[in-house]
Amino acid sequence: MQLINYIPNQRRLALPRRVAKQVIHNLVEPFFNLKEAKAFYKECPTSIVIFNRTCNTAIPDEWLNDITTHFIKQAIENPEHKYDLADEYEMMLTITSDAGNGLYVIKPKELKISFK
């Protein structure tokens, strides 16, 4: 599992190259360019949680705080936006505040996440 609290470049994502490229595109798409996207995400922090195919699907409570765990569950169970990505991955967003903060979960479609 990878937890990121900034807009990364493709190389920093623990994902296949094609998937990472699509993730960056989806993060920047609502804005005119990467500079504007970074400015927004700096003002309204957004987290990215990545599960890849080698991840343990059971997440121990001590790994994440209760709020982060809640938003991961919310993104998976009731996403506000969902994107199909290459290599059978998916990207799900939940908005966490009226200001526009959010949390993205990126995972293989077949991966079922459980919380302990």
PDB file of N, CA and C in Angstrom:
ATOM      1  N   MET A   1       0.846  -1.170   0.000  1.00  0.00           N
ATOM      2  CA  MET A   1       0.000   0.000   0.000  1.00  0.00           C
ATOM      3  C   MET A   1       0.893   1.236   0.000  1.00  0.00           C
ATOM      4  N   GLN A   2       0.479   2.229  -0.754  1.00  0.00           N
ATOM      5  CA  GLN A   2       1.212   3.487  -0.825  1.00  0.00           C
ATOM      6  C   GLN A   2       0.237   4.610  -0.495  1.00  0.00           C
ATOM      7  N   LEU A   3       0.612   5.513   0.412  1.00  0.00           N
ATOM      8  CA  LEU A   3      -0.213   6.655   0.783  1.00  0.00           C
ATOM      9  C   LEU A   3       0.546   7.918   0.419  1.00  0.00           C
ATOM     10  N   ILE A   4      -0.077   8.761  -0.411  1.00  0.00           N
ATOM     11  CA  ILE A   4       0.566   9.973  -0.923  1.00  0.00           C
ATOM     12  C   ILE A   4      -0.336  11.158  -0.612  1.00  0.00           C
ATOM     13  N   ASN A   5       0.262  12.265  -0.183  1.00  0.00           N
ATOM     14  CA  ASN A   5      -0.509  13.467   0.135  1.00  0.00           C
ATOM     15  C   ASN A   5      -0.080  14.662  -0.715  1.00  0.00           C
ATOM     16  N   TYR A   6       0.323  14.405  -1.944  1.00  0.00           N
ATOM     17  CA  TYR A   6       0.727  15.448  -2.883  1.00  0.00           C
ATOM     18  C   TYR A   6       0.537  14.895  -4.287  1.00  0.00           C
ATOM     19  N   ILE A   7       0.636  15.746  -5.303  1.00  0.00           N
ATOM     20  CA  ILE A   7       0.557  15.246  -6.680  1.00  0.00           C
ATOM     21  C   ILE A   7       1.940  14.726  -7.056  1.00  0.00           C
ATOM     22  N   PRO A   8       2.061  13.445  -7.235  1.00  0.00           N
ATOM     23  CA  PRO A   8       3.364  12.858  -7.565  1.00  0.00           C
ATOM     24  C   PRO A   8       3.620  12.897  -9.072  1.00  0.00           C
ATOM     25  N   ASN A   9       4.845  12.589  -9.446  1.00  0.00           N
ATOM     26  CA  ASN A   9       5.068  12.322 -10.864  1.00  0.00           C
ATOM     27  C   ASN A   9       4.882  10.818 -11.066  1.00  0.00           C
ATOM     28  N   GLN A  10       4.810  10.406 -12.297  1.00  0.00           N
ATOM     29  CA  GLN A  10       4.519   9.006 -12.621  1.00  0.00           C
ATOM     30  C   GLN A  10       5.475   8.030 -11.956  1.00  0.00           C
ATOM     31  N   ARG A  11       6.752   8.378 -11.914  1.00  0.00           N
ATOM     32  CA  ARG A  11       7.763   7.463 -11.374  1.00  0.00           C
ATOM     33  C   ARG A  11       7.570   7.161  -9.895  1.00  0.00           C
ATOM     34  N   ARG A  12       6.926   8.045  -9.173  1.00  0.00           N
ATOM     35  CA  ARG A  12       6.746   7.856  -7.727  1.00  0.00           C
ATOM     36  C   ARG A  12       5.556   6.965  -7.381  1.00  0.00           C
ATOM     37  N   LEU A  13       4.747   6.640  -8.365  1.00  0.00           N
ATOM     38  CA  LEU A  13       3.572   5.815  -8.112  1.00  0.00           C
ATOM     39  C   LEU A  13       3.923   4.334  -8.195  1.00  0.00           C
ATOM     40  N   ALA A  14       3.493   3.570  -7.222  1.00  0.00           N
ATOM     41  CA  ALA A  14       3.742   2.121  -7.192  1.00  0.00           C
ATOM     42  C   ALA A  14       2.709   1.426  -8.071  1.00  0.00           C
ATOM     43  N   LEU A  15       2.765   1.763  -9.360  1.00  0.00           N
ATOM     44  CA  LEU A  15       1.790   1.268 -10.335  1.00  0.00           C
ATOM     45  C   LEU A  15       2.482   0.973 -11.658  1.00  0.00           C
ATOM     46  N   PRO A  16       1.869   0.134 -12.490  1.00  0.00           N
ATOM     47  CA  PRO A  16       2.393  -0.033 -13.847  1.00  0.00           C
ATOM     48  C   PRO A  16       2.413   1.322 -14.575  1.00  0.00           C
ATOM     49  N   ARG A  17       3.340   1.485 -15.481  1.00  0.00           N
ATOM     50  CA  ARG A  17       3.551   2.767 -16.160  1.00  0.00           C
ATOM     51  C   ARG A  17       2.283   3.319 -16.817  1.00  0.00           C
ATOM     52  N   ARG A  18       1.553   2.470 -17.538  1.00  0.00           N
ATOM     53  CA  ARG A  18       0.333   2.944 -18.222  1.00  0.00           C
ATOM     54  C   ARG A  18      -0.716   3.419 -17.223  1.00  0.00           C
ATOM     55  N   VAL A  19      -0.826   2.729 -16.115  1.00  0.00           N
ATOM     56  CA  VAL A  19      -1.790   3.107 -15.081  1.00  0.00           C
ATOM     57  C   VAL A  19      -1.369   4.430 -14.448  1.00  0.00           C
ATOM     58  N   ALA A  20      -0.094   4.560 -14.113  1.00  0.00           N
ATOM     59  CA  ALA A  20       0.416   5.788 -13.503  1.00  0.00           C
ATOM     60  C   ALA A  20       0.169   6.995 -14.406  1.00  0.00           C
ATOM     61  N   LYS A  21       0.364   6.820 -15.699  1.00  0.00           N
ATOM     62  CA  LYS A  21       0.134   7.917 -16.650  1.00  0.00           C
ATOM     63  C   LYS A  21      -1.332   8.353 -16.621  1.00  0.00           C
ATOM     64  N   GLN A  22      -2.239   7.397 -16.578  1.00  0.00           N
ATOM     65  CA  GLN A  22      -3.665   7.726 -16.527  1.00  0.00           C
ATOM     66  C   GLN A  22      -4.039   8.399 -15.205  1.00  0.00           C
ATOM     67  N   VAL A  23      -3.441   7.966 -14.116  1.00  0.00           N
ATOM     68  CA  VAL A  23      -3.718   8.576 -12.815  1.00  0.00           C
ATOM     69  C   VAL A  23      -3.339  10.053 -12.840  1.00  0.00           C
ATOM     70  N   ILE A  24      -2.138  10.356 -13.300  1.00  0.00           N
ATOM     71  CA  ILE A  24      -1.702  11.753 -13.369  1.00  0.00           C
ATOM     72  C   ILE A  24      -2.641  12.548 -14.272  1.00  0.00           C
ATOM     73  N   HIS A  25      -3.008  11.993 -15.402  1.00  0.00           N
ATOM     74  CA  HIS A  25      -3.949  12.669 -16.308  1.00  0.00           C
ATOM     75  C   HIS A  25      -5.264  12.985 -15.590  1.00  0.00           C
ATOM     76  N   ASN A  26      -5.814  12.013 -14.862  1.00  0.00           N
ATOM     77  CA  ASN A  26      -7.086  12.221 -14.164  1.00  0.00           C
ATOM     78  C   ASN A  26      -6.976  13.256 -13.049  1.00  0.00           C
ATOM     79  N   LEU A  27      -5.825  13.330 -12.390  1.00  0.00           N
ATOM     80  CA  LEU A  27      -5.629  14.321 -11.333  1.00  0.00           C
ATOM     81  C   LEU A  27      -5.544  15.739 -11.891  1.00  0.00           C
ATOM     82  N   VAL A  28      -4.988  15.876 -13.081  1.00  0.00           N
ATOM     83  CA  VAL A  28      -4.766  17.195 -13.676  1.00  0.00           C
ATOM     84  C   VAL A  28      -5.937  17.638 -14.554  1.00  0.00           C
ATOM     85  N   GLU A  29      -6.699  16.701 -15.078  1.00  0.00           N
ATOM     86  CA  GLU A  29      -7.750  16.989 -16.059  1.00  0.00           C
ATOM     87  C   GLU A  29      -8.710  18.122 -15.678  1.00  0.00           C
ATOM     88  N   PRO A  30      -9.175  18.239 -14.431  1.00  0.00           N
ATOM     89  CA  PRO A  30     -10.121  19.318 -14.117  1.00  0.00           C
ATOM     90  C   PRO A  30      -9.504  20.721 -14.167  1.00  0.00           C
ATOM     91  N   PHE A  31      -8.198  20.795 -14.321  1.00  0.00           N
ATOM     92  CA  PHE A  31      -7.486  22.067 -14.299  1.00  0.00           C
ATOM     93  C   PHE A  31      -6.881  22.338 -15.675  1.00  0.00           C
ATOM     94  N   PHE A  32      -6.393  23.534 -15.883  1.00  0.00           N
ATOM     95  CA  PHE A  32      -5.805  23.876 -17.175  1.00  0.00           C
ATOM     96  C   PHE A  32      -4.438  23.234 -17.379  1.00  0.00           C
ATOM     97  N   ASN A  33      -3.713  23.040 -16.280  1.00  0.00           N
ATOM     98  CA  ASN A  33      -2.370  22.476 -16.395  1.00  0.00           C
ATOM     99  C   ASN A  33      -1.907  21.939 -15.041  1.00  0.00           C
ATOM    100  N   LEU A  34      -0.749  21.339 -15.029  1.00  0.00           N
ATOM    101  CA  LEU A  34      -0.207  20.736 -13.813  1.00  0.00           C
ATOM    102  C   LEU A  34       0.040  21.782 -12.730  1.00  0.00           C
ATOM    103  N   LYS A  35       0.489  22.969 -13.118  1.00  0.00           N
ATOM    104  CA  LYS A  35       0.755  24.030 -12.147  1.00  0.00           C
ATOM    105  C   LYS A  35      -0.518  24.400 -11.386  1.00  0.00           C
ATOM    106  N   GLU A  36      -1.633  24.564 -12.104  1.00  0.00           N
ATOM    107  CA  GLU A  36      -2.901  24.894 -11.449  1.00  0.00           C
ATOM    108  C   GLU A  36      -3.394  23.743 -10.580  1.00  0.00           C
ATOM    109  N   ALA A  37      -3.210  22.525 -11.049  1.00  0.00           N
ATOM    110  CA  ALA A  37      -3.614  21.359 -10.258  1.00  0.00           C
ATOM    111  C   ALA A  37      -2.830  21.316  -8.950  1.00  0.00           C
ATOM    112  N   LYS A  38      -1.529  21.519  -9.018  1.00  0.00           N
ATOM    113  CA  LYS A  38      -0.701  21.497  -7.810  1.00  0.00           C
ATOM    114  C   LYS A  38      -1.109  22.604  -6.845  1.00  0.00           C
ATOM    115  N   ALA A  39      -1.444  23.786  -7.376  1.00  0.00           N
ATOM    116  CA  ALA A  39      -1.883  24.892  -6.518  1.00  0.00           C
ATOM    117  C   ALA A  39      -3.180  24.530  -5.794  1.00  0.00           C
ATOM    118  N   PHE A  40      -4.125  23.923  -6.508  1.00  0.00           N
ATOM    119  CA  PHE A  40      -5.383  23.522  -5.881  1.00  0.00           C
ATOM    120  C   PHE A  40      -5.137  22.470  -4.807  1.00  0.00           C
ATOM    121  N   TYR A  41      -4.383  21.429  -5.144  1.00  0.00           N
ATOM    122  CA  TYR A  41      -4.158  20.346  -4.193  1.00  0.00           C
ATOM    123  C   TYR A  41      -3.323  20.792  -2.997  1.00  0.00           C
ATOM    124  N   LYS A  42      -2.540  21.859  -3.162  1.00  0.00           N
ATOM    125  CA  LYS A  42      -1.803  22.408  -2.025  1.00  0.00           C
ATOM    126  C   LYS A  42      -2.771  23.118  -1.077  1.00  0.00           C
ATOM    127  N   GLU A  43      -3.738  23.834  -1.661  1.00  0.00           N
ATOM    128  CA  GLU A  43      -4.736  24.550  -0.863  1.00  0.00           C
ATOM    129  C   GLU A  43      -5.758  23.593  -0.242  1.00  0.00           C
ATOM    130  N   CYS A  44      -6.140  22.581  -0.987  1.00  0.00           N
ATOM    131  CA  CYS A  44      -7.138  21.592  -0.547  1.00  0.00           C
ATOM    132  C   CYS A  44      -6.498  20.209  -0.608  1.00  0.00           C
ATOM    133  N   PRO A  45      -5.725  19.858   0.401  1.00  0.00           N
ATOM    134  CA  PRO A  45      -4.985  18.595   0.345  1.00  0.00           C
ATOM    135  C   PRO A  45      -5.868  17.391   0.017  1.00  0.00           C
ATOM    136  N   THR A  46      -5.336  16.566  -0.840  1.00  0.00           N
ATOM    137  CA  THR A  46      -6.008  15.356  -1.282  1.00  0.00           C
ATOM    138  C   THR A  46      -5.042  14.195  -1.115  1.00  0.00           C
ATOM    139  N   SER A  47      -5.544  13.091  -0.620  1.00  0.00           N
ATOM    140  CA  SER A  47      -4.713  11.904  -0.425  1.00  0.00           C
ATOM    141  C   SER A  47      -4.956  10.904  -1.543  1.00  0.00           C
ATOM    142  N   ILE A  48      -3.927  10.140  -1.845  1.00  0.00           N
ATOM    143  CA  ILE A  48      -4.014   9.063  -2.830  1.00  0.00           C
ATOM    144  C   ILE A  48      -3.554   7.791  -2.126  1.00  0.00           C
ATOM    145  N   VAL A  49      -4.409   6.785  -2.130  1.00  0.00           N
ATOM    146  CA  VAL A  49      -4.070   5.495  -1.523  1.00  0.00           C
ATOM    147  C   VAL A  49      -4.008   4.474  -2.649  1.00  0.00           C
ATOM    148  N   ILE A  50      -2.854   3.838  -2.790  1.00  0.00           N
ATOM    149  CA  ILE A  50      -2.643   2.888  -3.884  1.00  0.00           C
ATOM    150  C   ILE A  50      -2.468   1.482  -3.321  1.00  0.00           C
ATOM    151  N   PHE A  51      -3.257   0.578  -3.864  1.00  0.00           N
ATOM    152  CA  PHE A  51      -3.107  -0.844  -3.591  1.00  0.00           C
ATOM    153  C   PHE A  51      -2.695  -1.482  -4.911  1.00  0.00           C
ATOM    154  N   ASN A  52      -1.596  -2.228  -4.913  1.00  0.00           N
ATOM    155  CA  ASN A  52      -1.234  -2.929  -6.146  1.00  0.00           C
ATOM    156  C   ASN A  52      -1.478  -4.418  -5.957  1.00  0.00           C
ATOM    157  N   ARG A  53      -1.162  -5.170  -6.948  1.00  0.00           N
ATOM    158  CA  ARG A  53      -1.495  -6.602  -6.916  1.00  0.00           C
ATOM    159  C   ARG A  53      -0.734  -7.385  -5.852  1.00  0.00           C
ATOM    160  N   THR A  54       0.337  -6.833  -5.335  1.00  0.00           N
ATOM    161  CA  THR A  54       1.107  -7.538  -4.312  1.00  0.00           C
ATOM    162  C   THR A  54       0.711  -7.140  -2.894  1.00  0.00           C
ATOM    163  N   CYS A  55      -0.265  -6.254  -2.753  1.00  0.00           N
ATOM    164  CA  CYS A  55      -0.688  -5.786  -1.428  1.00  0.00           C
ATOM    165  C   CYS A  55      -1.447  -6.854  -0.667  1.00  0.00           C
ATOM    166  N   ASN A  56      -1.256  -6.824   0.634  1.00  0.00           N
ATOM    167  CA  ASN A  56      -2.097  -7.613   1.526  1.00  0.00           C
ATOM    168  C   ASN A  56      -3.468  -6.941   1.526  1.00  0.00           C
ATOM    169  N   THR A  57      -4.525  -7.698   1.366  1.00  0.00           N
ATOM    170  CA  THR A  57      -5.853  -7.096   1.257  1.00  0.00           C
ATOM    171  C   THR A  57      -6.499  -6.796   2.600  1.00  0.00           C
ATOM    172  N   ALA A  58      -5.918  -7.250   3.682  1.00  0.00           N
ATOM    173  CA  ALA A  58      -6.438  -6.939   5.011  1.00  0.00           C
ATOM    174  C   ALA A  58      -5.615  -5.796   5.595  1.00  0.00           C
ATOM    175  N   ILE A  59      -6.277  -4.719   5.942  1.00  0.00           N
ATOM    176  CA  ILE A  59      -5.579  -3.544   6.452  1.00  0.00           C
ATOM    177  C   ILE A  59      -5.726  -3.493   7.969  1.00  0.00           C
ATOM    178  N   PRO A  60      -4.637  -3.688   8.716  1.00  0.00           N
ATOM    179  CA  PRO A  60      -4.722  -3.598  10.173  1.00  0.00           C
ATOM    180  C   PRO A  60      -5.083  -2.177  10.611  1.00  0.00           C
ATOM    181  N   ASP A  61      -5.871  -2.061  11.657  1.00  0.00           N
ATOM    182  CA  ASP A  61      -6.308  -0.760  12.160  1.00  0.00           C
ATOM    183  C   ASP A  61      -5.149   0.176  12.479  1.00  0.00           C
ATOM    184  N   GLU A  62      -4.036  -0.383  12.950  1.00  0.00           N
ATOM    185  CA  GLU A  62      -2.929   0.473  13.383  1.00  0.00           C
ATOM    186  C   GLU A  62      -2.177   1.125  12.214  1.00  0.00           C
ATOM    187  N   TRP A  63      -2.430   0.701  10.994  1.00  0.00           N
ATOM    188  CA  TRP A  63      -1.742   1.290   9.845  1.00  0.00           C
ATOM    189  C   TRP A  63      -2.252   2.683   9.517  1.00  0.00           C
ATOM    190  N   LEU A  64      -3.533   2.911   9.704  1.00  0.00           N
ATOM    191  CA  LEU A  64      -4.152   4.173   9.316  1.00  0.00           C
ATOM    192  C   LEU A  64      -5.004   4.694  10.462  1.00  0.00           C
ATOM    193  N   ASN A  65      -5.201   6.015  10.503  1.00  0.00           N
ATOM    194  CA  ASN A  65      -6.099   6.537  11.528  1.00  0.00           C
ATOM    195  C   ASN A  65      -7.548   6.268  11.123  1.00  0.00           C
ATOM    196  N   ASP A  66      -8.456   6.440  12.054  1.00  0.00           N
ATOM    197  CA  ASP A  66      -9.868   6.123  11.813  1.00  0.00           C
ATOM    198  C   ASP A  66     -10.467   6.931  10.667  1.00  0.00           C
ATOM    199  N   ILE A  67     -10.081   8.191  10.565  1.00  0.00           N
ATOM    200  CA  ILE A  67     -10.648   9.045   9.514  1.00  0.00           C
ATOM    201  C   ILE A  67     -10.199   8.568   8.141  1.00  0.00           C
ATOM    202  N   THR A  68      -8.920   8.278   7.983  1.00  0.00           N
ATOM    203  CA  THR A  68      -8.423   7.793   6.692  1.00  0.00           C
ATOM    204  C   THR A  68      -9.083   6.469   6.328  1.00  0.00           C
ATOM    205  N   THR A  69      -9.192   5.574   7.289  1.00  0.00           N
ATOM    206  CA  THR A  69      -9.853   4.292   7.040  1.00  0.00           C
ATOM    207  C   THR A  69     -11.297   4.506   6.609  1.00  0.00           C
ATOM    208  N   HIS A  70     -11.997   5.416   7.275  1.00  0.00           N
ATOM    209  CA  HIS A  70     -13.387   5.724   6.912  1.00  0.00           C
ATOM    210  C   HIS A  70     -13.478   6.200   5.463  1.00  0.00           C
ATOM    211  N   PHE A  71     -12.598   7.110   5.070  1.00  0.00           N
ATOM    212  CA  PHE A  71     -12.662   7.649   3.711  1.00  0.00           C
ATOM    213  C   PHE A  71     -12.241   6.622   2.655  1.00  0.00           C
ATOM    214  N   ILE A  72     -11.328   5.724   2.994  1.00  0.00           N
ATOM    215  CA  ILE A  72     -10.986   4.644   2.059  1.00  0.00           C
ATOM    216  C   ILE A  72     -12.210   3.769   1.827  1.00  0.00           C
ATOM    217  N   LYS A  73     -12.883   3.403   2.906  1.00  0.00           N
ATOM    218  CA  LYS A  73     -14.109   2.603   2.774  1.00  0.00           C
ATOM    219  C   LYS A  73     -15.151   3.335   1.940  1.00  0.00           C
ATOM    220  N   GLN A  74     -15.319   4.619   2.213  1.00  0.00           N
ATOM    221  CA  GLN A  74     -16.306   5.420   1.491  1.00  0.00           C
ATOM    222  C   GLN A  74     -15.975   5.488   0.002  1.00  0.00           C
ATOM    223  N   ALA A  75     -14.709   5.672  -0.323  1.00  0.00           N
ATOM    224  CA  ALA A  75     -14.306   5.743  -1.735  1.00  0.00           C
ATOM    225  C   ALA A  75     -14.569   4.427  -2.453  1.00  0.00           C
ATOM    226  N   ILE A  76     -14.329   3.319  -1.775  1.00  0.00           N
ATOM    227  CA  ILE A  76     -14.527   2.005  -2.392  1.00  0.00           C
ATOM    228  C   ILE A  76     -16.013   1.664  -2.504  1.00  0.00           C
ATOM    229  N   GLU A  77     -16.760   1.903  -1.432  1.00  0.00           N
ATOM    230  CA  GLU A  77     -18.160   1.479  -1.389  1.00  0.00           C
ATOM    231  C   GLU A  77     -19.120   2.446  -2.074  1.00  0.00           C
ATOM    232  N   ASN A  78     -18.806   3.735  -2.062  1.00  0.00           N
ATOM    233  CA  ASN A  78     -19.714   4.729  -2.622  1.00  0.00           C
ATOM    234  C   ASN A  78     -18.926   5.895  -3.227  1.00  0.00           C
ATOM    235  N   PRO A  79     -18.170   5.648  -4.284  1.00  0.00           N
ATOM    236  CA  PRO A  79     -17.336   6.712  -4.854  1.00  0.00           C
ATOM    237  C   PRO A  79     -18.176   7.810  -5.510  1.00  0.00           C
ATOM    238  N   GLU A  80     -17.670   9.030  -5.426  1.00  0.00           N
ATOM    239  CA  GLU A  80     -18.334  10.137  -6.111  1.00  0.00           C
ATOM    240  C   GLU A  80     -17.928  10.176  -7.577  1.00  0.00           C
ATOM    241  N   HIS A  81     -16.739   9.698  -7.862  1.00  0.00           N
ATOM    242  CA  HIS A  81     -16.259   9.535  -9.239  1.00  0.00           C
ATOM    243  C   HIS A  81     -15.484   8.229  -9.300  1.00  0.00           C
ATOM    244  N   LYS A  82     -15.602   7.546 -10.427  1.00  0.00           N
ATOM    245  CA  LYS A  82     -14.883   6.287 -10.613  1.00  0.00           C
ATOM    246  C   LYS A  82     -14.333   6.263 -12.029  1.00  0.00           C
ATOM    247  N   TYR A  83     -13.068   5.893 -12.153  1.00  0.00           N
ATOM    248  CA  TYR A  83     -12.389   5.848 -13.440  1.00  0.00           C
ATOM    249  C   TYR A  83     -11.889   4.427 -13.689  1.00  0.00           C
ATOM    250  N   ASP A  84     -12.116   3.926 -14.871  1.00  0.00           N
ATOM    251  CA  ASP A  84     -11.509   2.665 -15.283  1.00  0.00           C
ATOM    252  C   ASP A  84     -10.136   2.981 -15.857  1.00  0.00           C
ATOM    253  N   LEU A  85      -9.133   2.263 -15.402  1.00  0.00           N
ATOM    254  CA  LEU A  85      -7.761   2.491 -15.836  1.00  0.00           C
ATOM    255  C   LEU A  85      -7.241   1.278 -16.596  1.00  0.00           C
ATOM    256  N   ALA A  86      -6.081   1.440 -17.178  1.00  0.00           N
ATOM    257  CA  ALA A  86      -5.422   0.344 -17.905  1.00  0.00           C
ATOM    258  C   ALA A  86      -5.115  -0.808 -16.950  1.00  0.00           C
ATOM    259  N   ASP A  87      -4.812  -1.956 -17.527  1.00  0.00           N
ATOM    260  CA  ASP A  87      -4.366  -3.131 -16.769  1.00  0.00           C
ATOM    261  C   ASP A  87      -5.341  -3.555 -15.670  1.00  0.00           C
ATOM    262  N   GLU A  88      -6.636  -3.313 -15.904  1.00  0.00           N
ATOM    263  CA  GLU A  88      -7.691  -3.729 -14.961  1.00  0.00           C
ATOM    264  C   GLU A  88      -7.575  -3.069 -13.587  1.00  0.00           C
ATOM    265  N   TYR A  89      -7.140  -1.813 -13.566  1.00  0.00           N
ATOM    266  CA  TYR A  89      -7.133  -1.020 -12.342  1.00  0.00           C
ATOM    267  C   TYR A  89      -8.330  -0.080 -12.362  1.00  0.00           C
ATOM    268  N   GLU A  90      -8.677   0.436 -11.181  1.00  0.00           N
ATOM    269  CA  GLU A  90      -9.726   1.441 -11.072  1.00  0.00           C
ATOM    270  C   GLU A  90      -9.286   2.519 -10.089  1.00  0.00           C
ATOM    271  N   MET A  91      -9.836   3.712 -10.281  1.00  0.00           N
ATOM    272  CA  MET A  91      -9.510   4.868  -9.451  1.00  0.00           C
ATOM    273  C   MET A  91     -10.829   5.446  -8.959  1.00  0.00           C
ATOM    274  N   MET A  92     -10.976   5.539  -7.648  1.00  0.00           N
ATOM    275  CA  MET A  92     -12.224   6.002  -7.060  1.00  0.00           C
ATOM    276  C   MET A  92     -11.953   7.213  -6.171  1.00  0.00           C
ATOM    277  N   LEU A  93     -12.855   8.181  -6.216  1.00  0.00           N
ATOM    278  CA  LEU A  93     -12.702   9.422  -5.457  1.00  0.00           C
ATOM    279  C   LEU A  93     -13.862   9.601  -4.499  1.00  0.00           C
ATOM    280  N   THR A  94     -13.539  10.025  -3.294  1.00  0.00           N
ATOM    281  CA  THR A  94     -14.550  10.530  -2.377  1.00  0.00           C
ATOM    282  C   THR A  94     -14.121  11.930  -1.963  1.00  0.00           C
ATOM    283  N   ILE A  95     -15.071  12.856  -1.951  1.00  0.00           N
ATOM    284  CA  ILE A  95     -14.808  14.225  -1.508  1.00  0.00           C
ATOM    285  C   ILE A  95     -14.950  14.230   0.008  1.00  0.00           C
ATOM    286  N   THR A  96     -13.964  14.809   0.687  1.00  0.00           N
ATOM    287  CA  THR A  96     -13.941  14.733   2.147  1.00  0.00           C
ATOM    288  C   THR A  96     -14.299  16.041   2.839  1.00  0.00           C
ATOM    289  N   SER A  97     -14.470  17.131   2.065  1.00  0.00           N
ATOM    290  CA  SER A  97     -14.853  18.411   2.676  1.00  0.00           C
ATOM    291  C   SER A  97     -15.529  19.295   1.636  1.00  0.00           C
ATOM    292  N   ASP A  98     -16.238  20.295   2.122  1.00  0.00           N
ATOM    293  CA  ASP A  98     -16.889  21.251   1.224  1.00  0.00           C
ATOM    294  C   ASP A  98     -15.874  22.072   0.429  1.00  0.00           C
ATOM    295  N   ALA A  99     -14.663  22.186   0.938  1.00  0.00           N
ATOM    296  CA  ALA A  99     -13.622  22.950   0.246  1.00  0.00           C
ATOM    297  C   ALA A  99     -13.091  22.222  -0.981  1.00  0.00           C
ATOM    298  N   GLY A 100     -13.330  20.926  -1.063  1.00  0.00           N
ATOM    299  CA  GLY A 100     -12.871  20.162  -2.215  1.00  0.00           C
ATOM    300  C   GLY A 100     -11.789  19.152  -1.913  1.00  0.00           C
ATOM    301  N   ASN A 101     -11.409  19.034  -0.647  1.00  0.00           N
ATOM    302  CA  ASN A 101     -10.443  17.999  -0.286  1.00  0.00           C
ATOM    303  C   ASN A 101     -11.020  16.643  -0.655  1.00  0.00           C
ATOM    304  N   GLY A 102     -10.145  15.687  -0.916  1.00  0.00           N
ATOM    305  CA  GLY A 102     -10.641  14.375  -1.294  1.00  0.00           C
ATOM    306  C   GLY A 102      -9.651  13.271  -1.011  1.00  0.00           C
ATOM    307  N   LEU A 103     -10.088  12.069  -1.306  1.00  0.00           N
ATOM    308  CA  LEU A 103      -9.236  10.897  -1.174  1.00  0.00           C
ATOM    309  C   LEU A 103      -9.505   9.989  -2.368  1.00  0.00           C
ATOM    310  N   TYR A 104      -8.437   9.637  -3.065  1.00  0.00           N
ATOM    311  CA  TYR A 104      -8.505   8.698  -4.182  1.00  0.00           C
ATOM    312  C   TYR A 104      -8.018   7.337  -3.714  1.00  0.00           C
ATOM    313  N   VAL A 105      -8.697   6.299  -4.145  1.00  0.00           N
ATOM    314  CA  VAL A 105      -8.228   4.930  -3.952  1.00  0.00           C
ATOM    315  C   VAL A 105      -7.975   4.358  -5.337  1.00  0.00           C
ATOM    316  N   ILE A 106      -6.787   3.813  -5.535  1.00  0.00           N
ATOM    317  CA  ILE A 106      -6.422   3.186  -6.803  1.00  0.00           C
ATOM    318  C   ILE A 106      -6.070   1.741  -6.494  1.00  0.00           C
ATOM    319  N   LYS A 107      -6.716   0.817  -7.223  1.00  0.00           N
ATOM    320  CA  LYS A 107      -6.496  -0.598  -6.933  1.00  0.00           C
ATOM    321  C   LYS A 107      -6.857  -1.443  -8.141  1.00  0.00           C
ATOM    322  N   PRO A 108      -6.348  -2.674  -8.183  1.00  0.00           N
ATOM    323  CA  PRO A 108      -6.816  -3.607  -9.210  1.00  0.00           C
ATOM    324  C   PRO A 108      -8.306  -3.883  -8.990  1.00  0.00           C
ATOM    325  N   LYS A 109      -9.056  -3.988 -10.064  1.00  0.00           N
ATOM    326  CA  LYS A 109     -10.506  -4.197  -9.944  1.00  0.00           C
ATOM    327  C   LYS A 109     -10.845  -5.446  -9.145  1.00  0.00           C
ATOM    328  N   GLU A 110     -10.050  -6.489  -9.293  1.00  0.00           N
ATOM    329  CA  GLU A 110     -10.384  -7.752  -8.624  1.00  0.00           C
ATOM    330  C   GLU A 110      -9.987  -7.774  -7.148  1.00  0.00           C
ATOM    331  N   LEU A 111      -9.208  -6.799  -6.704  1.00  0.00           N
ATOM    332  CA  LEU A 111      -8.714  -6.784  -5.326  1.00  0.00           C
ATOM    333  C   LEU A 111      -9.820  -6.354  -4.364  1.00  0.00           C
ATOM    334  N   LYS A 112     -10.133  -7.199  -3.418  1.00  0.00           N
ATOM    335  CA  LYS A 112     -11.134  -6.904  -2.388  1.00  0.00           C
ATOM    336  C   LYS A 112     -10.399  -6.502  -1.116  1.00  0.00           C
ATOM    337  N   ILE A 113     -10.700  -5.328  -0.614  1.00  0.00           N
ATOM    338  CA  ILE A 113     -10.033  -4.797   0.567  1.00  0.00           C
ATOM    339  C   ILE A 113     -10.886  -5.094   1.798  1.00  0.00           C
ATOM    340  N   SER A 114     -10.251  -5.568   2.856  1.00  0.00           N
ATOM    341  CA  SER A 114     -10.959  -5.773   4.119  1.00  0.00           C
ATOM    342  C   SER A 114     -10.236  -4.994   5.211  1.00  0.00           C
ATOM    343  N   PHE A 115     -10.980  -4.607   6.211  1.00  0.00           N
ATOM    344  CA  PHE A 115     -10.432  -3.805   7.300  1.00  0.00           C
ATOM    345  C   PHE A 115     -10.558  -4.586   8.596  1.00  0.00           C
ATOM    346  N   LYS A 116      -9.461  -4.645   9.368  1.00  0.00           N
ATOM    347  CA  LYS A 116      -9.463  -5.382  10.644  1.00  0.00           C
ATOM    348  C   LYS A 116      -9.774  -4.446  11.781  1.00  0.00           C
TER     349      LYS A 116
END
